[in-house]
Amino acid sequence: MLSVPCPWCGPRDETEFKYGGQAHVAYPSDPAALSDAEWASYLFLRDNPKGWFAERWFHSAGCRRWFDVVRHTVTYEFAPGVTP
């Protein structure tokens, strides 16, 4: 079982969380000017690296807060004390 390090509640079981995807995805500065293809790219295309990756998590069964972490996509290890 994966132990997710909540910054407010401490390490908790992964069943208490919802995965929020890639962190730091900037909202388009002029959304009205985007084509359908550009909107599709913004909504659905994300990085998929092998290695360290910044992610968003929501502690749905605890403090109910969103937070960012850095996790290794192969080993599932969370970087200690790293805020992306």
C-alpha atoms as a PDB file:
ATOM      1  CA  MET A   1       0.000   0.000   0.000  1.00  0.00           C
ATOM      2  CA  LEU A   2       1.259   3.469  -0.869  1.00  0.00           C
ATOM      3  CA  SER A   3       1.774   5.931   1.998  1.00  0.00           C
ATOM      4  CA  VAL A   4       1.107   9.497   0.840  1.00  0.00           C
ATOM      5  CA  PRO A   5       2.818  12.276   2.872  1.00  0.00           C
ATOM      6  CA  CYS A   6       0.122  14.888   3.573  1.00  0.00           C
ATOM      7  CA  PRO A   7       1.830  18.162   4.640  1.00  0.00           C
ATOM      8  CA  TRP A   8      -0.900  18.798   7.265  1.00  0.00           C
ATOM      9  CA  CYS A   9      -1.853  15.314   8.500  1.00  0.00           C
ATOM     10  CA  GLY A  10       1.386  13.390   7.988  1.00  0.00           C
ATOM     11  CA  PRO A  11       1.762  10.070   6.133  1.00  0.00           C
ATOM     12  CA  ARG A  12      -1.570   8.383   5.426  1.00  0.00           C
ATOM     13  CA  ASP A  13      -2.816   5.407   3.432  1.00  0.00           C
ATOM     14  CA  GLU A  14      -3.388   6.092  -0.283  1.00  0.00           C
ATOM     15  CA  THR A  15      -7.081   5.179   0.047  1.00  0.00           C
ATOM     16  CA  GLU A  16      -7.627   8.526   1.810  1.00  0.00           C
ATOM     17  CA  PHE A  17      -6.505  10.498  -1.263  1.00  0.00           C
ATOM     18  CA  LYS A  18      -7.575  11.373  -4.790  1.00  0.00           C
ATOM     19  CA  TYR A  19      -4.895  11.766  -7.440  1.00  0.00           C
ATOM     20  CA  GLY A  20      -5.037  15.171  -9.148  1.00  0.00           C
ATOM     21  CA  GLY A  21      -2.603  14.674 -12.016  1.00  0.00           C
ATOM     22  CA  GLN A  22       0.393  16.699 -13.082  1.00  0.00           C
ATOM     23  CA  ALA A  23       1.235  19.749 -10.961  1.00  0.00           C
ATOM     24  CA  HIS A  24       1.950  23.222 -12.331  1.00  0.00           C
ATOM     25  CA  VAL A  25      -0.160  23.074 -15.490  1.00  0.00           C
ATOM     26  CA  ALA A  26      -0.787  26.734 -16.303  1.00  0.00           C
ATOM     27  CA  TYR A  27      -4.285  27.810 -17.341  1.00  0.00           C
ATOM     28  CA  PRO A  28      -4.276  29.415 -20.819  1.00  0.00           C
ATOM     29  CA  SER A  29      -3.866  33.194 -20.678  1.00  0.00           C
ATOM     30  CA  ASP A  30      -6.512  33.747 -23.384  1.00  0.00           C
ATOM     31  CA  PRO A  31      -8.821  30.710 -23.336  1.00  0.00           C
ATOM     32  CA  ALA A  32     -11.259  32.224 -25.855  1.00  0.00           C
ATOM     33  CA  ALA A  33      -8.508  32.316 -28.480  1.00  0.00           C
ATOM     34  CA  LEU A  34      -7.717  28.583 -28.292  1.00  0.00           C
ATOM     35  CA  SER A  35      -8.708  26.233 -31.079  1.00  0.00           C
ATOM     36  CA  ASP A  36     -10.396  22.909 -30.324  1.00  0.00           C
ATOM     37  CA  ALA A  37      -7.073  21.122 -30.815  1.00  0.00           C
ATOM     38  CA  GLU A  38      -5.321  23.487 -28.387  1.00  0.00           C
ATOM     39  CA  TRP A  39      -8.086  22.962 -25.790  1.00  0.00           C
ATOM     40  CA  ALA A  40      -7.786  19.197 -26.201  1.00  0.00           C
ATOM     41  CA  SER A  41      -4.032  19.459 -25.716  1.00  0.00           C
ATOM     42  CA  TYR A  42      -4.471  21.568 -22.557  1.00  0.00           C
ATOM     43  CA  LEU A  43      -7.128  19.272 -21.065  1.00  0.00           C
ATOM     44  CA  PHE A  44      -5.801  15.825 -21.926  1.00  0.00           C
ATOM     45  CA  LEU A  45      -2.088  15.826 -22.780  1.00  0.00           C
ATOM     46  CA  ARG A  46       0.281  15.585 -19.834  1.00  0.00           C
ATOM     47  CA  ASP A  47       3.893  14.580 -19.339  1.00  0.00           C
ATOM     48  CA  ASN A  48       4.498  10.899 -18.625  1.00  0.00           C
ATOM     49  CA  PRO A  49       8.130  10.664 -17.518  1.00  0.00           C
ATOM     50  CA  LYS A  50      10.028   7.736 -16.145  1.00  0.00           C
ATOM     51  CA  GLY A  51      11.468   9.213 -12.967  1.00  0.00           C
ATOM     52  CA  TRP A  52      10.667  12.136 -10.682  1.00  0.00           C
ATOM     53  CA  PHE A  53       7.374  13.893 -11.390  1.00  0.00           C
ATOM     54  CA  ALA A  54       5.476  16.776  -9.711  1.00  0.00           C
ATOM     55  CA  GLU A  55       1.897  15.763  -8.863  1.00  0.00           C
ATOM     56  CA  ARG A  56      -1.254  17.119  -7.193  1.00  0.00           C
ATOM     57  CA  TRP A  57      -3.066  15.131  -4.499  1.00  0.00           C
ATOM     58  CA  PHE A  58      -6.300  15.805  -2.583  1.00  0.00           C
ATOM     59  CA  HIS A  59      -6.719  14.491   0.955  1.00  0.00           C
ATOM     60  CA  SER A  60     -10.398  13.647   0.597  1.00  0.00           C
ATOM     61  CA  ALA A  61     -10.727  11.586   3.799  1.00  0.00           C
ATOM     62  CA  GLY A  62      -8.641  13.897   5.968  1.00  0.00           C
ATOM     63  CA  CYS A  63      -7.948  17.627   5.911  1.00  0.00           C
ATOM     64  CA  ARG A  64      -9.623  18.028   2.475  1.00  0.00           C
ATOM     65  CA  ARG A  65      -6.732  20.092   1.103  1.00  0.00           C
ATOM     66  CA  TRP A  66      -4.886  19.996  -2.215  1.00  0.00           C
ATOM     67  CA  PHE A  67      -1.100  19.783  -2.157  1.00  0.00           C
ATOM     68  CA  ASP A  68       1.830  19.161  -4.506  1.00  0.00           C
ATOM     69  CA  VAL A  69       4.445  16.438  -4.092  1.00  0.00           C
ATOM     70  CA  VAL A  70       7.296  14.990  -6.121  1.00  0.00           C
ATOM     71  CA  ARG A  71       7.010  11.229  -6.693  1.00  0.00           C
ATOM     72  CA  HIS A  72       9.149   8.756  -8.605  1.00  0.00           C
ATOM     73  CA  THR A  73       6.954   7.074 -11.227  1.00  0.00           C
ATOM     74  CA  VAL A  74       8.905   3.799 -11.195  1.00  0.00           C
ATOM     75  CA  THR A  75       9.572   3.238  -7.487  1.00  0.00           C
ATOM     76  CA  TYR A  76       6.529   5.208  -6.197  1.00  0.00           C
ATOM     77  CA  GLU A  77       8.863   6.874  -3.667  1.00  0.00           C
ATOM     78  CA  PHE A  78       7.918  10.377  -2.536  1.00  0.00           C
ATOM     79  CA  ALA A  79      10.737  12.925  -2.323  1.00  0.00           C
ATOM     80  CA  PRO A  80      11.070  13.919   1.357  1.00  0.00           C
ATOM     81  CA  GLY A  81      10.386  17.542   2.130  1.00  0.00           C
ATOM     82  CA  VAL A  82      10.287  18.588  -1.526  1.00  0.00           C
ATOM     83  CA  THR A  83       7.644  21.082  -2.589  1.00  0.00           C
ATOM     84  CA  PRO A  84       7.618  21.499  -6.357  1.00  0.00           C
END
